[in-house]
């Protein structure tokens, strides 16, 4: 698994978790879902992704998007 796929998988899991929390706990968790979406959007424009930095430090090899 490369860095790009790890970031996408992490974002997908976080969105599913936040949707489950919104359904079972409180609808206010949808703000977390919106935060994840905004972070993905800004990463597509700027190339800066905090999750990619963490995964890179964990030793996951780089992909083509986050170098």
C-alpha atoms as a PDB file:
ATOM      1  CA  UNK A   1       0.000   0.000   0.000  1.00  0.00           C
ATOM      2  CA  UNK A   2       1.377   3.403  -0.905  1.00  0.00           C
ATOM      3  CA  UNK A   3       0.823   6.746   0.799  1.00  0.00           C
ATOM      4  CA  UNK A   4      -1.983   7.866  -1.515  1.00  0.00           C
ATOM      5  CA  UNK A   5      -4.064   4.774  -0.908  1.00  0.00           C
ATOM      6  CA  UNK A   6      -3.400   4.925   2.836  1.00  0.00           C
ATOM      7  CA  UNK A   7      -4.674   8.518   3.013  1.00  0.00           C
ATOM      8  CA  UNK A   8      -7.784   7.666   0.986  1.00  0.00           C
ATOM      9  CA  UNK A   9      -8.482   4.582   3.100  1.00  0.00           C
ATOM     10  CA  UNK A  10      -8.010   6.559   6.316  1.00  0.00           C
ATOM     11  CA  UNK A  11     -10.352   9.315   5.109  1.00  0.00           C
ATOM     12  CA  UNK A  12     -12.970   6.769   4.109  1.00  0.00           C
ATOM     13  CA  UNK A  13     -12.830   5.015   7.469  1.00  0.00           C
ATOM     14  CA  UNK A  14     -13.037   8.323   9.335  1.00  0.00           C
ATOM     15  CA  UNK A  15     -16.083   9.389   7.291  1.00  0.00           C
ATOM     16  CA  UNK A  16     -17.850   6.086   7.979  1.00  0.00           C
ATOM     17  CA  UNK A  17     -17.057   6.355  11.697  1.00  0.00           C
ATOM     18  CA  UNK A  18     -18.330   9.924  11.869  1.00  0.00           C
ATOM     19  CA  UNK A  19     -21.524   8.972  10.033  1.00  0.00           C
ATOM     20  CA  UNK A  20     -22.100   6.102  12.465  1.00  0.00           C
ATOM     21  CA  UNK A  21     -21.510   8.453  15.403  1.00  0.00           C
ATOM     22  CA  UNK A  22     -23.952  10.956  13.899  1.00  0.00           C
ATOM     23  CA  UNK A  23     -26.575   8.252  13.518  1.00  0.00           C
ATOM     24  CA  UNK A  24     -26.178   6.567  16.907  1.00  0.00           C
ATOM     25  CA  UNK A  25     -24.863   9.345  19.187  1.00  0.00           C
ATOM     26  CA  UNK A  26     -25.558  12.883  17.979  1.00  0.00           C
ATOM     27  CA  UNK A  27     -26.123  14.648  14.662  1.00  0.00           C
ATOM     28  CA  UNK A  28     -23.419  17.117  15.693  1.00  0.00           C
ATOM     29  CA  UNK A  29     -20.866  14.512  14.542  1.00  0.00           C
ATOM     30  CA  UNK A  30     -21.737  15.564  10.993  1.00  0.00           C
ATOM     31  CA  UNK A  31     -19.479  18.578  11.595  1.00  0.00           C
ATOM     32  CA  UNK A  32     -16.599  16.100  11.829  1.00  0.00           C
ATOM     33  CA  UNK A  33     -17.671  14.628   8.497  1.00  0.00           C
ATOM     34  CA  UNK A  34     -17.663  18.113   6.991  1.00  0.00           C
ATOM     35  CA  UNK A  35     -14.198  18.765   8.444  1.00  0.00           C
ATOM     36  CA  UNK A  36     -12.863  15.618   6.773  1.00  0.00           C
ATOM     37  CA  UNK A  37     -14.379  16.651   3.449  1.00  0.00           C
ATOM     38  CA  UNK A  38     -12.914  20.147   3.694  1.00  0.00           C
ATOM     39  CA  UNK A  39      -9.511  18.698   4.573  1.00  0.00           C
ATOM     40  CA  UNK A  40      -9.644  16.462   1.486  1.00  0.00           C
ATOM     41  CA  UNK A  41     -10.635  19.436  -0.650  1.00  0.00           C
ATOM     42  CA  UNK A  42      -7.812  21.664   0.592  1.00  0.00           C
ATOM     43  CA  UNK A  43      -5.322  18.801   0.189  1.00  0.00           C
ATOM     44  CA  UNK A  44      -6.335  18.463  -3.454  1.00  0.00           C
ATOM     45  CA  UNK A  45      -5.459  22.131  -4.062  1.00  0.00           C
ATOM     46  CA  UNK A  46      -2.448  22.610  -1.784  1.00  0.00           C
ATOM     47  CA  UNK A  47      -0.904  19.143  -1.567  1.00  0.00           C
ATOM     48  CA  UNK A  48      -0.656  19.542   2.230  1.00  0.00           C
ATOM     49  CA  UNK A  49      -2.229  16.692   4.179  1.00  0.00           C
ATOM     50  CA  UNK A  50      -1.534  16.099   7.887  1.00  0.00           C
ATOM     51  CA  UNK A  51      -2.462  12.415   7.570  1.00  0.00           C
ATOM     52  CA  UNK A  52       0.088  11.998   4.757  1.00  0.00           C
ATOM     53  CA  UNK A  53       2.794  13.469   6.991  1.00  0.00           C
ATOM     54  CA  UNK A  54       1.947  11.018   9.777  1.00  0.00           C
ATOM     55  CA  UNK A  55       1.810   8.027   7.425  1.00  0.00           C
ATOM     56  CA  UNK A  56       5.116   9.041   5.821  1.00  0.00           C
ATOM     57  CA  UNK A  57       6.770   9.100   9.259  1.00  0.00           C
ATOM     58  CA  UNK A  58       5.345   5.630   9.895  1.00  0.00           C
ATOM     59  CA  UNK A  59       7.299   4.411   6.871  1.00  0.00           C
ATOM     60  CA  UNK A  60       4.607   4.011   4.245  1.00  0.00           C
ATOM     61  CA  UNK A  61       6.192   4.482   0.791  1.00  0.00           C
ATOM     62  CA  UNK A  62       5.256   7.586  -1.194  1.00  0.00           C
ATOM     63  CA  UNK A  63       2.744   7.525  -4.008  1.00  0.00           C
ATOM     64  CA  UNK A  64       2.344   9.966  -6.854  1.00  0.00           C
ATOM     65  CA  UNK A  65       0.138  12.549  -5.083  1.00  0.00           C
ATOM     66  CA  UNK A  66       1.974  13.177  -1.792  1.00  0.00           C
ATOM     67  CA  UNK A  67       5.701  13.400  -2.474  1.00  0.00           C
END
